[in-house]
């Protein structure tokens, strides 16, 4: 059962990563300044658009390879909350924010559960675990003295 859950988490992580990588790439190719131009009308400083575009691009790549999955998923969930509340909510669910809710829920799932199958995070965890085991085996045993 655990293996099936990991496969599911892998699929969610990779598709979320690819989706945000493509959205981030689109923002940079179209000129982030064009994206930023709409931020003041929402009461937000323009520089946040650069932060959003960066998180989408770098976070997307990071999710695809599986590094910082929980962190980038949390940031993406925050971006989706902002997109829903500030842009899409007035359009209603259908034709409005339904896709954003799905992306947000996938991101929240990954924050809560992570995704270790075929990820850099899992390799780093294995290295850290092996390193700490080796250090523990090599250290002298401390004896209690009274």
Protein backbone atom coordinates (compact mmCIF):
# COMPACT_ATOMS: atom_id res chain seq x y z
CA UNK A 1 0.00 0.00 0.00
CA UNK A 2 2.83 2.41 0.88
CA UNK A 3 4.38 1.88 -2.57
CA UNK A 4 1.09 2.86 -4.26
CA UNK A 5 0.91 6.01 -2.14
CA UNK A 6 4.47 6.93 -3.10
CA UNK A 7 3.67 6.41 -6.79
CA UNK A 8 0.64 8.66 -6.38
CA UNK A 9 2.72 11.29 -4.58
CA UNK A 10 5.35 11.10 -7.32
CA UNK A 11 2.71 11.68 -10.01
CA UNK A 12 1.24 14.64 -8.11
CA UNK A 13 4.68 16.14 -7.46
CA UNK A 14 5.83 15.87 -11.06
CA UNK A 15 2.62 17.23 -12.63
CA UNK A 16 2.45 20.09 -10.12
CA UNK A 17 6.11 20.86 -10.79
CA UNK A 18 5.66 20.75 -14.56
CA UNK A 19 2.56 22.95 -14.40
CA UNK A 20 4.30 25.61 -12.34
CA UNK A 21 7.51 25.40 -14.32
CA UNK A 22 5.52 26.12 -17.48
CA UNK A 23 3.62 29.01 -15.83
CA UNK A 24 6.86 30.49 -14.50
CA UNK A 25 8.55 30.10 -17.88
CA UNK A 26 5.61 31.81 -19.54
CA UNK A 27 5.88 34.76 -17.15
CA UNK A 28 9.59 35.20 -17.85
CA UNK A 29 9.22 34.77 -21.62
CA UNK A 30 6.29 37.20 -21.75
CA UNK A 31 8.12 39.70 -19.56
CA UNK A 32 7.61 39.59 -15.82
CA UNK A 33 7.13 43.36 -15.91
CA UNK A 34 3.89 42.79 -17.87
CA UNK A 35 2.70 40.39 -15.16
CA UNK A 36 3.83 42.85 -12.46
CA UNK A 37 1.83 45.69 -14.00
CA UNK A 38 -1.41 44.22 -12.65
CA UNK A 39 -0.26 43.85 -9.06
CA UNK A 40 -0.86 47.45 -7.91
CA UNK A 41 -4.52 47.20 -8.96
CA UNK A 42 -4.84 44.32 -6.46
CA UNK A 43 -3.19 46.40 -3.76
CA UNK A 44 0.10 44.49 -4.00
CA UNK A 45 3.57 45.85 -4.71
CA UNK A 46 4.87 45.06 -8.20
CA UNK A 47 8.01 43.35 -6.89
CA UNK A 48 5.87 40.45 -5.63
CA UNK A 49 5.27 39.45 -9.24
CA UNK A 50 8.97 38.69 -9.60
CA UNK A 51 8.83 36.58 -6.45
CA UNK A 52 5.78 34.67 -7.77
CA UNK A 53 7.39 34.08 -11.18
CA UNK A 54 10.64 32.93 -9.54
CA UNK A 55 8.84 30.52 -7.19
CA UNK A 56 6.81 29.12 -10.08
CA UNK A 57 9.89 28.55 -12.25
CA UNK A 58 12.41 27.36 -9.65
CA UNK A 59 9.78 25.65 -7.51
CA UNK A 60 8.49 23.81 -10.56
CA UNK A 61 11.95 22.49 -11.41
CA UNK A 62 12.56 21.61 -7.75
CA UNK A 63 9.33 19.66 -7.54
CA UNK A 64 10.10 17.74 -10.73
CA UNK A 65 13.45 16.57 -9.37
CA UNK A 66 12.14 16.27 -5.83
CA UNK A 67 14.20 18.72 -3.83
CA UNK A 68 12.58 20.93 -1.18
CA UNK A 69 9.21 19.39 -2.01
CA UNK A 70 7.43 20.45 1.17
CA UNK A 71 8.87 23.98 1.14
CA UNK A 72 8.12 24.72 -2.51
CA UNK A 73 4.69 23.09 -2.24
CA UNK A 74 3.90 25.38 0.70
CA UNK A 75 4.98 28.43 -1.27
CA UNK A 76 2.89 27.31 -4.24
CA UNK A 77 -0.13 26.79 -1.97
CA UNK A 78 0.31 30.38 -0.73
CA UNK A 79 0.50 31.65 -4.31
CA UNK A 80 -2.71 29.77 -5.13
CA UNK A 81 -4.50 31.23 -2.11
CA UNK A 82 -3.50 34.69 -3.30
CA UNK A 83 -4.58 33.97 -6.87
CA UNK A 84 -7.95 32.68 -5.72
CA UNK A 85 -8.65 35.47 -3.25
CA UNK A 86 -7.37 38.40 -5.29
CA UNK A 87 -8.08 37.41 -8.88
CA UNK A 88 -10.31 34.40 -9.43
CA UNK A 89 -12.89 34.44 -6.62
CA UNK A 90 -15.14 36.99 -8.33
CA UNK A 91 -15.39 34.71 -11.39
CA UNK A 92 -16.98 31.90 -9.38
CA UNK A 93 -15.95 28.28 -9.14
CA UNK A 94 -16.64 27.04 -12.68
CA UNK A 95 -14.59 28.98 -15.15
CA UNK A 96 -12.95 30.81 -12.28
CA UNK A 97 -10.93 29.28 -9.50
CA UNK A 98 -11.61 25.53 -9.80
CA UNK A 99 -8.20 24.76 -11.36
CA UNK A 100 -6.46 26.91 -8.75
CA UNK A 101 -8.17 24.97 -5.95
CA UNK A 102 -7.00 21.67 -7.44
CA UNK A 103 -3.41 22.95 -7.66
CA UNK A 104 -3.61 24.29 -4.11
CA UNK A 105 -4.92 20.97 -2.75
CA UNK A 106 -2.16 19.02 -4.55
CA UNK A 107 0.40 21.42 -3.07
CA UNK A 108 -1.09 21.02 0.43
CA UNK A 109 -1.05 17.23 0.05
CA UNK A 110 2.66 17.41 -0.75
CA UNK A 111 3.29 19.72 2.22
CA UNK A 112 1.63 17.21 4.54
CA UNK A 113 2.97 13.99 3.02
CA UNK A 114 6.07 14.81 1.01
CA UNK A 115 7.11 12.69 -1.95
CA UNK A 116 10.26 10.61 -1.70
CA UNK A 117 10.07 8.20 -4.64
CA UNK A 118 12.64 9.18 -7.27
CA UNK A 119 13.54 12.39 -5.44
CA UNK A 120 16.76 14.17 -4.57
CA UNK A 121 15.31 14.67 -1.07
CA UNK A 122 15.23 10.90 -0.49
CA UNK A 123 18.85 10.53 -1.62
CA UNK A 124 19.93 13.35 0.70
CA UNK A 125 18.02 11.74 3.56
CA UNK A 126 19.74 8.41 2.87
CA UNK A 127 23.16 10.09 2.84
CA UNK A 128 22.43 11.93 6.08
CA UNK A 129 21.17 8.77 7.73
CA UNK A 130 24.20 6.74 6.60
CA UNK A 131 26.54 9.52 7.74
CA UNK A 132 24.98 9.78 11.20
CA UNK A 133 25.01 5.98 11.59
CA UNK A 134 28.70 5.90 10.67
CA UNK A 135 29.51 8.73 13.11
CA UNK A 136 27.58 6.93 15.86
CA UNK A 137 29.45 3.67 15.21
CA UNK A 138 32.84 5.39 15.25
CA UNK A 139 32.31 7.44 18.42
CA UNK A 140 33.50 5.98 21.73
CA UNK A 141 30.80 4.88 24.10
CA UNK A 142 30.45 7.32 26.97
CA UNK A 143 30.37 5.58 30.31
CA UNK A 144 28.50 7.05 33.23
CA UNK A 145 30.59 7.82 36.25
CA UNK A 146 29.24 8.34 39.70
